[in-house]
Amino acid sequence: MAGRLARQTAIVTGAGRGFGRAIALGLAVEGAAVTVTARSKEEIAMTVAQIESAGGRAQAVAGDVTNRGDVARVVEAAQQRFGPVSVLVNNAGVAWPFGPVWAVDPDQWWAAEAVHVRGALLYMHAVLPGMIERRNGHIITIAALAGQRVAPNLSAYCVAKSAQIRLTEHVAAETKEHSVAAFAIEPGTAITELAEGTMASPEAQRWLPGMVERLRGLKGQQDQAAVFARCVEMCADLASGRYDALSGRFLMPQDDFEKLLREAPAG
């Protein structure tokens, strides 16, 4: 497909559903060749089917973002099929566990950190050498505003998202001289499978009743398509290279990228 990402090779993690699937489809529509990955073979196969139905190029490679061997295998498959990876979207994530620090299972809490932080780190570590060598690369991590807030009984998620934002800042600083850009974004709130799971969770209902009620309210009122569309637009814009001067930033759906670009310090 012709488009502003026509010569790009992308990897999208957590691409079997929700925001990940939407982002993968959006990048493909813009012309990128996309390798979609998640643990569920069935879900990523559905994502690829949607991309191919729209005329895009994609492949599905199942893997666990916390497993270094799986990450290497996914990256190798992307490069073998479509060429050097130039766009990485770290989207894989979980919402659990819910509850105060003294009540949650520490192993489950740490497992959540592994998905968000180790997963993003492993993929960055795998693709950055090639991006630096070619002086061409864009990394977009789907973080959350929760990473800048204190949300009692949601510590694992908030700490993980905070770490993703700070990791992005460091990667941007370390790769600036190599023409690689890294961004963290808030995707917006939509009723994805992740949100559905949160609403159905007895622990979330017990410890985060207000959040559960807000999600239930959004389910019947919010324009879900608009939320997904803006997230996809943000990712495509950032992958295009136009906004590289914003590298290192945490960006929100309501941000005016053109305005931020005009205000960005020179150099």
C-alpha atoms as a PDB file:
ATOM      1  CA  MET A   1       0.000   0.000   0.000  1.00  0.00           C
ATOM      2  CA  ALA A   2       1.206   3.504  -0.811  1.00  0.00           C
ATOM      3  CA  GLY A   3       1.506   5.881   2.110  1.00  0.00           C
ATOM      4  CA  ARG A   4       3.887   7.901   4.227  1.00  0.00           C
ATOM      5  CA  LEU A   5       5.217   4.706   5.888  1.00  0.00           C
ATOM      6  CA  ALA A   6       5.600   2.778   2.631  1.00  0.00           C
ATOM      7  CA  ARG A   7       9.260   1.916   3.165  1.00  0.00           C
ATOM      8  CA  GLN A   8       8.987   1.133   6.859  1.00  0.00           C
ATOM      9  CA  THR A   9       9.107  -2.206   8.658  1.00  0.00           C
ATOM     10  CA  ALA A  10       7.214  -2.212  11.944  1.00  0.00           C
ATOM     11  CA  ILE A  11       6.753  -4.487  14.936  1.00  0.00           C
ATOM     12  CA  VAL A  12       3.718  -4.033  17.170  1.00  0.00           C
ATOM     13  CA  THR A  13       3.540  -5.960  20.442  1.00  0.00           C
ATOM     14  CA  GLY A  14       0.270  -6.868  22.111  1.00  0.00           C
ATOM     15  CA  ALA A  15      -1.245  -6.664  18.637  1.00  0.00           C
ATOM     16  CA  GLY A  16      -3.870  -9.370  18.982  1.00  0.00           C
ATOM     17  CA  ARG A  17      -6.630  -7.046  20.124  1.00  0.00           C
ATOM     18  CA  GLY A  18      -7.566  -3.589  21.354  1.00  0.00           C
ATOM     19  CA  PHE A  19      -5.187  -0.715  20.748  1.00  0.00           C
ATOM     20  CA  GLY A  20      -2.454  -3.019  19.473  1.00  0.00           C
ATOM     21  CA  ARG A  21      -4.618  -4.391  16.686  1.00  0.00           C
ATOM     22  CA  ALA A  22      -5.821  -0.904  15.753  1.00  0.00           C
ATOM     23  CA  ILE A  23      -2.268   0.455  15.670  1.00  0.00           C
ATOM     24  CA  ALA A  24      -1.003  -2.437  13.542  1.00  0.00           C
ATOM     25  CA  LEU A  25      -3.829  -1.937  11.059  1.00  0.00           C
ATOM     26  CA  GLY A  26      -3.255   1.812  11.000  1.00  0.00           C
ATOM     27  CA  LEU A  27       0.466   1.503  10.312  1.00  0.00           C
ATOM     28  CA  ALA A  28      -0.243  -1.013   7.555  1.00  0.00           C
ATOM     29  CA  VAL A  29      -2.800   1.298   5.954  1.00  0.00           C
ATOM     30  CA  GLU A  30      -0.066   3.953   5.904  1.00  0.00           C
ATOM     31  CA  GLY A  31       2.118   1.511   3.980  1.00  0.00           C
ATOM     32  CA  ALA A  32       4.289  -0.121   6.639  1.00  0.00           C
ATOM     33  CA  ALA A  33       4.982  -3.850   6.550  1.00  0.00           C
ATOM     34  CA  VAL A  34       3.910  -4.979  10.009  1.00  0.00           C
ATOM     35  CA  THR A  35       4.913  -7.931  12.147  1.00  0.00           C
ATOM     36  CA  VAL A  36       2.268  -8.386  14.810  1.00  0.00           C
ATOM     37  CA  THR A  37       3.049 -10.298  17.957  1.00  0.00           C
ATOM     38  CA  ALA A  38       1.306 -11.442  21.118  1.00  0.00           C
ATOM     39  CA  ARG A  39       1.040 -14.717  22.987  1.00  0.00           C
ATOM     40  CA  SER A  40      -2.217 -15.753  21.300  1.00  0.00           C
ATOM     41  CA  LYS A  41      -1.660 -17.186  17.814  1.00  0.00           C
ATOM     42  CA  GLU A  42      -5.374 -17.001  17.069  1.00  0.00           C
ATOM     43  CA  GLU A  43      -5.694 -13.324  17.942  1.00  0.00           C
ATOM     44  CA  ILE A  44      -2.693 -12.149  15.944  1.00  0.00           C
ATOM     45  CA  ALA A  45      -3.821 -14.263  12.993  1.00  0.00           C
ATOM     46  CA  MET A  46      -7.079 -12.294  13.054  1.00  0.00           C
ATOM     47  CA  THR A  47      -5.130  -9.037  13.083  1.00  0.00           C
ATOM     48  CA  VAL A  48      -3.131 -10.123  10.040  1.00  0.00           C
ATOM     49  CA  ALA A  49      -6.322 -11.162   8.258  1.00  0.00           C
ATOM     50  CA  GLN A  50      -7.785  -7.690   8.802  1.00  0.00           C
ATOM     51  CA  ILE A  51      -4.616  -6.019   7.542  1.00  0.00           C
ATOM     52  CA  GLU A  52      -4.456  -8.191   4.434  1.00  0.00           C
ATOM     53  CA  SER A  53      -8.151  -7.606   3.754  1.00  0.00           C
ATOM     54  CA  ALA A  54      -7.373  -3.883   3.735  1.00  0.00           C
ATOM     55  CA  GLY A  55      -4.568  -4.448   1.231  1.00  0.00           C
ATOM     56  CA  GLY A  56      -1.698  -4.249   3.697  1.00  0.00           C
ATOM     57  CA  ARG A  57       1.330  -6.437   4.372  1.00  0.00           C
ATOM     58  CA  ALA A  58       1.660  -8.269   7.669  1.00  0.00           C
ATOM     59  CA  GLN A  59       2.740 -11.450   9.371  1.00  0.00           C
ATOM     60  CA  ALA A  60       1.927 -12.952  12.755  1.00  0.00           C
ATOM     61  CA  VAL A  61       4.673 -14.260  15.029  1.00  0.00           C
ATOM     62  CA  ALA A  62       3.567 -15.418  18.470  1.00  0.00           C
ATOM     63  CA  GLY A  63       5.788 -14.698  21.440  1.00  0.00           C
ATOM     64  CA  ASP A  64       6.075 -13.552  25.032  1.00  0.00           C
ATOM     65  CA  VAL A  65       7.532 -10.050  25.416  1.00  0.00           C
ATOM     66  CA  THR A  66       9.235 -11.058  28.659  1.00  0.00           C
ATOM     67  CA  ASN A  67      11.126 -13.926  26.989  1.00  0.00           C
ATOM     68  CA  ARG A  68      14.397 -12.815  25.430  1.00  0.00           C
ATOM     69  CA  GLY A  69      14.478 -15.742  23.030  1.00  0.00           C
ATOM     70  CA  ASP A  70      10.959 -15.012  21.814  1.00  0.00           C
ATOM     71  CA  VAL A  71      11.829 -11.361  21.269  1.00  0.00           C
ATOM     72  CA  ALA A  72      14.895 -12.276  19.208  1.00  0.00           C
ATOM     73  CA  ARG A  73      12.801 -14.685  17.147  1.00  0.00           C
ATOM     74  CA  VAL A  74      10.114 -12.072  16.418  1.00  0.00           C
ATOM     75  CA  VAL A  75      12.678  -9.455  15.392  1.00  0.00           C
ATOM     76  CA  GLU A  76      14.497 -11.951  13.168  1.00  0.00           C
ATOM     77  CA  ALA A  77      11.220 -12.964  11.509  1.00  0.00           C
ATOM     78  CA  ALA A  78      10.363  -9.326  10.838  1.00  0.00           C
ATOM     79  CA  GLN A  79      13.749  -8.666   9.270  1.00  0.00           C
ATOM     80  CA  GLN A  80      13.746 -11.847   7.203  1.00  0.00           C
ATOM     81  CA  ARG A  81      10.298 -11.165   5.757  1.00  0.00           C
ATOM     82  CA  PHE A  82      10.183  -7.390   5.433  1.00  0.00           C
ATOM     83  CA  GLY A  83      13.651  -5.960   6.021  1.00  0.00           C
ATOM     84  CA  PRO A  84      15.324  -3.994   8.833  1.00  0.00           C
ATOM     85  CA  VAL A  85      12.976  -2.887  11.601  1.00  0.00           C
ATOM     86  CA  SER A  86      12.480   0.876  11.562  1.00  0.00           C
ATOM     87  CA  VAL A  87       9.367   1.232  13.741  1.00  0.00           C
ATOM     88  CA  LEU A  88       8.681  -0.422  17.092  1.00  0.00           C
ATOM     89  CA  VAL A  89       5.444  -0.013  19.025  1.00  0.00           C
ATOM     90  CA  ASN A  90       5.603  -1.357  22.577  1.00  0.00           C
ATOM     91  CA  ASN A  91       1.945  -1.956  23.334  1.00  0.00           C
ATOM     92  CA  ALA A  92       1.823  -5.196  25.350  1.00  0.00           C
ATOM     93  CA  GLY A  93       0.442  -4.638  28.817  1.00  0.00           C
ATOM     94  CA  VAL A  94      -1.735  -5.832  31.684  1.00  0.00           C
ATOM     95  CA  ALA A  95      -3.873  -3.997  34.230  1.00  0.00           C
ATOM     96  CA  TRP A  96      -3.538  -6.397  37.181  1.00  0.00           C
ATOM     97  CA  PRO A  97      -2.944  -6.854  40.059  1.00  0.00           C
ATOM     98  CA  PHE A  98      -5.443  -4.714  41.935  1.00  0.00           C
ATOM     99  CA  GLY A  99      -5.203  -3.887  45.620  1.00  0.00           C
ATOM    100  CA  PRO A 100      -2.880  -2.288  48.171  1.00  0.00           C
ATOM    101  CA  VAL A 101       0.762  -3.314  48.189  1.00  0.00           C
ATOM    102  CA  TRP A 102       0.347  -5.430  51.318  1.00  0.00           C
ATOM    103  CA  ALA A 103      -2.563  -7.389  49.816  1.00  0.00           C
ATOM    104  CA  VAL A 104      -1.357  -8.191  46.304  1.00  0.00           C
ATOM    105  CA  ASP A 105       0.798 -11.178  45.421  1.00  0.00           C
ATOM    106  CA  PRO A 106       4.354  -9.803  45.059  1.00  0.00           C
ATOM    107  CA  ASP A 107       5.117 -12.279  42.292  1.00  0.00           C
ATOM    108  CA  GLN A 108       2.075 -11.172  40.310  1.00  0.00           C
ATOM    109  CA  TRP A 109       2.992  -7.529  40.938  1.00  0.00           C
ATOM    110  CA  TRP A 110       6.481  -8.161  39.591  1.00  0.00           C
ATOM    111  CA  ALA A 111       5.109 -10.108  36.638  1.00  0.00           C
ATOM    112  CA  ALA A 112       3.151  -7.008  35.643  1.00  0.00           C
ATOM    113  CA  GLU A 113       6.346  -4.949  35.734  1.00  0.00           C
ATOM    114  CA  ALA A 114       8.009  -7.544  33.523  1.00  0.00           C
ATOM    115  CA  VAL A 115       5.343  -7.254  30.825  1.00  0.00           C
ATOM    116  CA  HIS A 116       5.478  -3.465  30.694  1.00  0.00           C
ATOM    117  CA  VAL A 117       9.107  -2.694  31.454  1.00  0.00           C
ATOM    118  CA  ARG A 118      11.183  -5.789  30.655  1.00  0.00           C
ATOM    119  CA  GLY A 119       9.115  -6.330  27.512  1.00  0.00           C
ATOM    120  CA  ALA A 120       9.733  -2.801  26.260  1.00  0.00           C
ATOM    121  CA  LEU A 121      13.405  -3.008  27.226  1.00  0.00           C
ATOM    122  CA  LEU A 122      13.981  -6.325  25.453  1.00  0.00           C
ATOM    123  CA  TYR A 123      12.458  -5.080  22.209  1.00  0.00           C
ATOM    124  CA  MET A 124      14.357  -1.799  22.378  1.00  0.00           C
ATOM    125  CA  HIS A 125      17.580  -3.701  23.054  1.00  0.00           C
ATOM    126  CA  ALA A 126      16.915  -5.961  20.072  1.00  0.00           C
ATOM    127  CA  VAL A 127      16.102  -3.307  17.464  1.00  0.00           C
ATOM    128  CA  LEU A 128      18.191  -0.313  18.529  1.00  0.00           C
ATOM    129  CA  PRO A 129      21.598  -1.493  17.239  1.00  0.00           C
ATOM    130  CA  GLY A 130      20.219  -1.747  13.714  1.00  0.00           C
ATOM    131  CA  MET A 131      18.338   1.535  13.976  1.00  0.00           C
ATOM    132  CA  ILE A 132      21.488   3.288  15.190  1.00  0.00           C
ATOM    133  CA  GLU A 133      23.607   1.757  12.434  1.00  0.00           C
ATOM    134  CA  ARG A 134      21.132   2.903   9.770  1.00  0.00           C
ATOM    135  CA  ARG A 135      20.396   6.204  11.530  1.00  0.00           C
ATOM    136  CA  ASN A 136      16.700   5.528  11.142  1.00  0.00           C
ATOM    137  CA  GLY A 137      14.280   4.410  13.804  1.00  0.00           C
ATOM    138  CA  HIS A 138      11.154   5.306  15.727  1.00  0.00           C
ATOM    139  CA  ILE A 139      10.084   3.715  18.994  1.00  0.00           C
ATOM    140  CA  ILE A 140       6.617   4.396  20.387  1.00  0.00           C
ATOM    141  CA  THR A 141       5.700   3.043  23.793  1.00  0.00           C
ATOM    142  CA  ILE A 142       2.055   2.941  24.814  1.00  0.00           C
ATOM    143  CA  ALA A 143       2.310   4.269  28.343  1.00  0.00           C
ATOM    144  CA  ALA A 144      -0.458   5.984  30.331  1.00  0.00           C
ATOM    145  CA  LEU A 145      -1.234   9.109  32.300  1.00  0.00           C
ATOM    146  CA  ALA A 146      -1.327   6.754  35.291  1.00  0.00           C
ATOM    147  CA  GLY A 147       2.457   6.804  35.077  1.00  0.00           C
ATOM    148  CA  GLN A 148       2.407  10.405  36.260  1.00  0.00           C
ATOM    149  CA  ARG A 149      -0.148   9.957  39.018  1.00  0.00           C
ATOM    150  CA  VAL A 150      -0.691   8.206  42.323  1.00  0.00           C
ATOM    151  CA  ALA A 151      -3.628   5.797  42.085  1.00  0.00           C
ATOM    152  CA  PRO A 152      -4.044   3.826  45.316  1.00  0.00           C
ATOM    153  CA  ASN A 153      -4.610   0.101  44.770  1.00  0.00           C
ATOM    154  CA  LEU A 154      -3.207   0.289  41.241  1.00  0.00           C
ATOM    155  CA  SER A 155       0.482   0.519  42.098  1.00  0.00           C
ATOM    156  CA  ALA A 156       1.798  -2.130  39.701  1.00  0.00           C
ATOM    157  CA  TYR A 157       0.242  -0.446  36.681  1.00  0.00           C
ATOM    158  CA  CYS A 158       1.219   3.081  37.711  1.00  0.00           C
ATOM    159  CA  VAL A 159       4.802   2.172  38.583  1.00  0.00           C
ATOM    160  CA  ALA A 160       5.192   0.260  35.309  1.00  0.00           C
ATOM    161  CA  LYS A 161       3.844   3.125  33.229  1.00  0.00           C
ATOM    162  CA  SER A 162       6.071   5.585  35.070  1.00  0.00           C
ATOM    163  CA  ALA A 163       9.055   3.373  34.291  1.00  0.00           C
ATOM    164  CA  GLN A 164       8.079   3.232  30.619  1.00  0.00           C
ATOM    165  CA  ILE A 165       7.962   7.016  30.451  1.00  0.00           C
ATOM    166  CA  ARG A 166      11.375   7.396  32.091  1.00  0.00           C
ATOM    167  CA  LEU A 167      12.853   4.613  29.939  1.00  0.00           C
ATOM    168  CA  THR A 168      11.632   6.484  26.871  1.00  0.00           C
ATOM    169  CA  GLU A 169      13.301   9.681  28.086  1.00  0.00           C
ATOM    170  CA  HIS A 170      16.603   7.878  28.533  1.00  0.00           C
ATOM    171  CA  VAL A 171      16.458   6.092  25.184  1.00  0.00           C
ATOM    172  CA  ALA A 172      15.671   9.389  23.452  1.00  0.00           C
ATOM    173  CA  ALA A 173      18.649  11.062  25.120  1.00  0.00           C
ATOM    174  CA  GLU A 174      20.986   8.174  24.334  1.00  0.00           C
ATOM    175  CA  THR A 175      19.982   7.908  20.672  1.00  0.00           C
ATOM    176  CA  LYS A 176      19.557  11.575  19.771  1.00  0.00           C
ATOM    177  CA  GLU A 177      22.923  11.781  18.015  1.00  0.00           C
ATOM    178  CA  HIS A 178      22.053   8.649  16.032  1.00  0.00           C
ATOM    179  CA  SER A 179      18.841  10.018  14.448  1.00  0.00           C
ATOM    180  CA  VAL A 180      16.580   7.642  16.372  1.00  0.00           C
ATOM    181  CA  ALA A 181      13.465   8.989  18.095  1.00  0.00           C
ATOM    182  CA  ALA A 182      11.531   7.553  21.034  1.00  0.00           C
ATOM    183  CA  PHE A 183       8.145   8.601  22.356  1.00  0.00           C
ATOM    184  CA  ALA A 184       5.721   7.533  25.068  1.00  0.00           C
ATOM    185  CA  ILE A 185       2.023   8.191  24.603  1.00  0.00           C
ATOM    186  CA  GLU A 186      -1.265   7.998  26.461  1.00  0.00           C
ATOM    187  CA  PRO A 187      -3.553   6.162  24.026  1.00  0.00           C
ATOM    188  CA  GLY A 188      -6.832   7.361  25.510  1.00  0.00           C
ATOM    189  CA  THR A 189      -9.454   5.375  27.377  1.00  0.00           C
ATOM    190  CA  ALA A 190     -11.469   2.859  25.401  1.00  0.00           C
ATOM    191  CA  ILE A 191     -13.412  -0.227  26.358  1.00  0.00           C
ATOM    192  CA  THR A 192     -10.924  -2.812  25.160  1.00  0.00           C
ATOM    193  CA  GLU A 193     -10.694  -6.428  26.264  1.00  0.00           C
ATOM    194  CA  LEU A 194      -8.284  -5.195  28.943  1.00  0.00           C
ATOM    195  CA  ALA A 195     -10.909  -2.780  30.252  1.00  0.00           C
ATOM    196  CA  GLU A 196     -13.580  -5.476  30.097  1.00  0.00           C
ATOM    197  CA  GLY A 197     -11.359  -7.739  32.166  1.00  0.00           C
ATOM    198  CA  THR A 198     -10.837  -4.991  34.705  1.00  0.00           C
ATOM    199  CA  MET A 199     -14.563  -4.384  35.052  1.00  0.00           C
ATOM    200  CA  ALA A 200     -15.166  -8.104  35.535  1.00  0.00           C
ATOM    201  CA  SER A 201     -12.381  -8.546  38.094  1.00  0.00           C
ATOM    202  CA  PRO A 202     -13.583  -9.128  41.684  1.00  0.00           C
ATOM    203  CA  GLU A 203     -10.360  -7.530  42.930  1.00  0.00           C
ATOM    204  CA  ALA A 204     -10.897  -4.415  40.831  1.00  0.00           C
ATOM    205  CA  GLN A 205     -14.512  -4.224  41.974  1.00  0.00           C
ATOM    206  CA  ARG A 206     -13.367  -4.462  45.574  1.00  0.00           C
ATOM    207  CA  TRP A 207     -10.367  -2.139  45.525  1.00  0.00           C
ATOM    208  CA  LEU A 208     -11.156   0.225  42.647  1.00  0.00           C
ATOM    209  CA  PRO A 209     -14.951   0.593  42.564  1.00  0.00           C
ATOM    210  CA  GLY A 210     -14.760   4.173  41.310  1.00  0.00           C
ATOM    211  CA  MET A 211     -12.616   3.227  38.332  1.00  0.00           C
ATOM    212  CA  VAL A 212     -14.868   0.295  37.499  1.00  0.00           C
ATOM    213  CA  GLU A 213     -17.921   2.549  37.541  1.00  0.00           C
ATOM    214  CA  ARG A 214     -16.218   5.112  35.302  1.00  0.00           C
ATOM    215  CA  LEU A 215     -15.355   2.406  32.793  1.00  0.00           C
ATOM    216  CA  ARG A 216     -18.910   1.119  32.842  1.00  0.00           C
ATOM    217  CA  GLY A 217     -20.140   4.633  32.206  1.00  0.00           C
ATOM    218  CA  LEU A 218     -17.809   5.071  29.255  1.00  0.00           C
ATOM    219  CA  LYS A 219     -18.940   1.796  27.750  1.00  0.00           C
ATOM    220  CA  GLY A 220     -22.343   3.170  26.916  1.00  0.00           C
ATOM    221  CA  GLN A 221     -21.483   6.781  26.180  1.00  0.00           C
ATOM    222  CA  GLN A 222     -18.058   7.215  24.620  1.00  0.00           C
ATOM    223  CA  ASP A 223     -17.275   7.258  20.912  1.00  0.00           C
ATOM    224  CA  GLN A 224     -14.892   4.312  20.963  1.00  0.00           C
ATOM    225  CA  ALA A 225     -13.984   4.640  17.295  1.00  0.00           C
ATOM    226  CA  ALA A 226     -12.741   8.191  17.816  1.00  0.00           C
ATOM    227  CA  VAL A 227     -10.454   7.098  20.668  1.00  0.00           C
ATOM    228  CA  PHE A 228      -8.889   4.347  18.580  1.00  0.00           C
ATOM    229  CA  ALA A 229      -8.593   6.626  15.558  1.00  0.00           C
ATOM    230  CA  ARG A 230      -6.694   9.293  17.495  1.00  0.00           C
ATOM    231  CA  CYS A 231      -4.302   6.731  18.978  1.00  0.00           C
ATOM    232  CA  VAL A 232      -3.597   5.315  15.524  1.00  0.00           C
ATOM    233  CA  GLU A 233      -3.110   8.823  14.146  1.00  0.00           C
ATOM    234  CA  MET A 234      -0.609   9.616  16.903  1.00  0.00           C
ATOM    235  CA  CYS A 235       1.417   6.483  16.198  1.00  0.00           C
ATOM    236  CA  ALA A 236       1.472   7.039  12.437  1.00  0.00           C
ATOM    237  CA  ASP A 237       2.445  10.692  12.897  1.00  0.00           C
ATOM    238  CA  LEU A 238       5.293   9.831  15.257  1.00  0.00           C
ATOM    239  CA  ALA A 239       6.524   7.009  13.019  1.00  0.00           C
ATOM    240  CA  SER A 240       6.596   9.331  10.005  1.00  0.00           C
ATOM    241  CA  GLY A 241       9.614  11.284  11.216  1.00  0.00           C
ATOM    242  CA  ARG A 242       7.934  14.674  11.062  1.00  0.00           C
ATOM    243  CA  TYR A 243       7.865  15.034  14.832  1.00  0.00           C
ATOM    244  CA  ASP A 244      11.331  13.779  15.744  1.00  0.00           C
ATOM    245  CA  ALA A 245      12.020  17.061  17.556  1.00  0.00           C
ATOM    246  CA  LEU A 246       9.532  15.838  20.178  1.00  0.00           C
ATOM    247  CA  SER A 247      11.592  12.711  20.913  1.00  0.00           C
ATOM    248  CA  GLY A 248      11.608  11.815  24.592  1.00  0.00           C
ATOM    249  CA  ARG A 249       8.243  13.351  25.326  1.00  0.00           C
ATOM    250  CA  PHE A 250       5.158  11.833  26.901  1.00  0.00           C
ATOM    251  CA  LEU A 251       2.323  12.829  24.595  1.00  0.00           C
ATOM    252  CA  MET A 252      -1.433  12.959  25.115  1.00  0.00           C
ATOM    253  CA  PRO A 253      -4.301  12.528  22.620  1.00  0.00           C
ATOM    254  CA  GLN A 254      -5.284  16.175  23.013  1.00  0.00           C
ATOM    255  CA  ASP A 255      -1.786  17.434  22.222  1.00  0.00           C
ATOM    256  CA  ASP A 256      -1.377  19.531  19.093  1.00  0.00           C
ATOM    257  CA  PHE A 257       1.785  18.054  17.604  1.00  0.00           C
ATOM    258  CA  GLU A 258       2.232  20.925  15.159  1.00  0.00           C
ATOM    259  CA  LYS A 259       2.075  23.472  17.972  1.00  0.00           C
ATOM    260  CA  LEU A 260       4.518  21.457  20.070  1.00  0.00           C
ATOM    261  CA  LEU A 261       6.826  21.216  17.070  1.00  0.00           C
ATOM    262  CA  ARG A 262       6.825  24.988  16.604  1.00  0.00           C
ATOM    263  CA  GLU A 263       7.607  25.453  20.294  1.00  0.00           C
ATOM    264  CA  ALA A 264      10.325  22.784  20.450  1.00  0.00           C
ATOM    265  CA  PRO A 265      13.871  24.025  21.110  1.00  0.00           C
ATOM    266  CA  ALA A 266      16.029  24.158  18.004  1.00  0.00           C
ATOM    267  CA  GLY A 267      18.472  21.267  17.716  1.00  0.00           C
END
